[in-house]
Amino acid sequence: MRRYPPIVVPSTSSTNPSHAIMTATSGDSRTRHGTRVPCEIPVRLTSLDPARPFSEVSLVILVNPQGCVARFDRPVEIGATVRLEGLPTNTSATAQVVNCIALGSEKLWLLGLALQEPGNVWSIQSPPEDWLR
């Protein structure tokens, strides 16, 4: 499996909306649903768009019940639908790409992925309290 270099994830405390990797839009305000938990979960990310096929290994580095941030070797169009396979729950999940951020010259991208069916598909044993609401 490919080893990814350590990175610094852009802060979401910025007022710049392009730095909000995992957010949900409600009217004009942006809110996050569930504390982000750092992790390293290898998954297979597969495009569900027959016009833009790919199926490659990715590394999920932040999770919450609404989605995740994954490192990926290529950019993926915002709005694309993908399947995450090989999850710790021995299931797969469908998600939509909500953000794609280039990581400089390393040819890596951070993908913000919103799960179509929110939940603890990450098998976080002691999730933060706000995951249980």
Protein backbone atom coordinates (compact mmCIF):
# COMPACT_ATOMS: atom_id res chain seq x y z
CA MET A 1 0.00 0.00 0.00
CA ARG A 2 1.22 3.52 -0.75
CA ARG A 3 2.61 5.43 2.25
CA TYR A 4 1.38 9.00 2.38
CA PRO A 5 3.53 11.80 3.83
CA PRO A 6 2.22 13.64 6.88
CA ILE A 7 0.26 16.78 6.10
CA VAL A 8 -1.25 19.74 7.86
CA VAL A 9 -5.01 19.89 7.31
CA PRO A 10 -6.32 23.41 6.62
CA SER A 11 -8.18 24.85 9.58
CA THR A 12 -11.94 25.24 9.34
CA SER A 13 -11.86 28.14 11.79
CA SER A 14 -10.95 30.42 8.90
CA THR A 15 -13.59 32.77 7.57
CA ASN A 16 -12.61 31.65 4.07
CA PRO A 17 -15.29 29.12 2.94
CA SER A 18 -12.75 27.34 0.72
CA HIS A 19 -11.10 26.11 3.93
CA ALA A 20 -14.28 24.45 5.19
CA ILE A 21 -13.61 20.86 4.19
CA MET A 22 -16.53 19.06 5.83
CA THR A 23 -19.44 21.40 6.19
CA ALA A 24 -23.13 21.28 5.53
CA THR A 25 -24.89 24.34 4.23
CA SER A 26 -28.07 25.48 5.92
CA GLY A 27 -29.36 28.67 4.38
CA ASP A 28 -26.53 31.20 4.54
CA SER A 29 -24.75 29.66 7.54
CA ARG A 30 -22.24 26.82 7.44
CA THR A 31 -22.35 24.26 10.23
CA ARG A 32 -20.56 21.01 10.99
CA HIS A 33 -22.47 18.03 12.34
CA GLY A 34 -20.18 16.06 14.62
CA THR A 35 -16.68 16.53 15.94
CA ARG A 36 -13.98 15.47 13.50
CA VAL A 37 -11.85 12.56 14.66
CA PRO A 38 -8.35 12.12 13.19
CA CYS A 39 -7.63 8.61 11.91
CA GLU A 40 -5.86 6.60 9.22
CA ILE A 41 -8.33 4.32 7.46
CA PRO A 42 -7.33 2.89 4.07
CA VAL A 43 -10.34 2.55 1.75
CA ARG A 44 -10.96 1.99 -1.92
CA LEU A 45 -12.60 5.00 -3.54
CA THR A 46 -14.60 4.09 -6.65
CA SER A 47 -16.32 6.50 -9.03
CA LEU A 48 -20.00 5.86 -9.68
CA ASP A 49 -19.86 8.02 -12.81
CA PRO A 50 -19.35 5.78 -15.88
CA ALA A 51 -18.03 8.79 -17.84
CA ARG A 52 -15.19 9.30 -15.30
CA PRO A 53 -14.28 5.84 -14.01
CA PHE A 54 -11.63 5.17 -11.36
CA SER A 55 -11.14 2.81 -8.45
CA GLU A 56 -8.10 3.52 -6.30
CA VAL A 57 -6.86 3.23 -2.73
CA SER A 58 -7.25 6.35 -0.60
CA LEU A 59 -6.46 7.19 3.01
CA VAL A 60 -9.23 8.66 5.19
CA ILE A 61 -7.64 11.05 7.70
CA LEU A 62 -10.61 12.79 9.40
CA VAL A 63 -14.09 11.43 10.07
CA ASN A 64 -17.43 12.39 11.56
CA PRO A 65 -20.90 10.88 11.13
CA GLN A 66 -21.61 13.11 8.12
CA GLY A 67 -18.49 12.27 6.11
CA CYS A 68 -14.73 12.38 5.94
CA VAL A 69 -11.59 13.92 4.53
CA ALA A 70 -9.49 11.59 2.38
CA ARG A 71 -6.10 11.95 0.71
CA PHE A 72 -6.21 10.97 -2.93
CA ASP A 73 -3.75 10.81 -5.82
CA ARG A 74 -5.89 12.83 -8.25
CA PRO A 75 -8.44 15.61 -8.23
CA VAL A 76 -12.10 14.59 -8.32
CA GLU A 77 -14.87 16.86 -9.55
CA ILE A 78 -16.98 18.46 -6.84
CA GLY A 79 -20.44 16.88 -6.98
CA ALA A 80 -19.13 13.49 -8.14
CA THR A 81 -20.64 10.45 -6.45
CA VAL A 82 -18.22 7.84 -5.13
CA ARG A 83 -18.33 4.58 -3.19
CA LEU A 84 -16.04 4.00 -0.21
CA GLU A 85 -15.23 0.28 0.04
CA GLY A 86 -13.34 -1.67 2.67
CA LEU A 87 -14.67 0.33 5.61
CA PRO A 88 -13.95 -0.94 9.14
CA THR A 89 -17.63 -1.96 9.42
CA ASN A 90 -17.08 -4.41 6.51
CA THR A 91 -19.55 -2.40 4.45
CA SER A 92 -19.42 0.21 1.75
CA ALA A 93 -20.87 3.72 1.75
CA THR A 94 -21.85 6.16 -0.97
CA ALA A 95 -20.69 9.76 -0.72
CA GLN A 96 -20.59 12.98 -2.70
CA VAL A 97 -17.41 14.98 -3.23
CA VAL A 98 -18.03 18.37 -1.59
CA ASN A 99 -14.48 19.72 -1.72
CA CYS A 100 -11.18 19.01 -3.49
CA ILE A 101 -8.03 20.79 -2.30
CA ALA A 102 -4.59 20.40 -3.93
CA LEU A 103 -1.70 19.81 -1.54
CA GLY A 104 1.04 21.72 -3.33
CA SER A 105 3.70 19.94 -5.33
CA GLU A 106 3.16 16.50 -3.74
CA LYS A 107 0.42 15.68 -6.25
CA LEU A 108 -2.02 14.81 -3.51
CA TRP A 109 -5.52 16.14 -2.97
CA LEU A 110 -7.76 16.35 0.07
CA LEU A 111 -11.29 15.28 -0.77
CA GLY A 112 -14.19 16.32 1.44
CA LEU A 113 -16.77 13.54 1.17
CA ALA A 114 -20.36 13.81 2.45
CA LEU A 115 -21.99 10.45 3.21
CA GLN A 116 -25.41 9.91 1.63
CA GLU A 117 -26.47 8.02 4.78
CA PRO A 118 -24.73 9.52 7.83
CA GLY A 119 -23.47 7.22 10.55
CA ASN A 120 -20.45 5.74 12.29
CA VAL A 121 -19.29 3.67 9.30
CA TRP A 122 -15.77 4.29 10.66
CA SER A 123 -16.20 2.01 13.72
CA ILE A 124 -15.06 4.70 16.14
CA GLN A 125 -15.36 2.81 19.44
CA SER A 126 -15.85 5.84 21.74
CA PRO A 127 -17.28 8.53 19.47
CA PRO A 128 -17.58 12.12 20.69
CA GLU A 129 -20.81 12.91 22.51
CA ASP A 130 -22.14 15.04 19.64
CA TRP A 131 -22.04 11.97 17.35
CA LEU A 132 -24.79 10.40 19.45
CA ARG A 133 -27.34 13.25 19.03
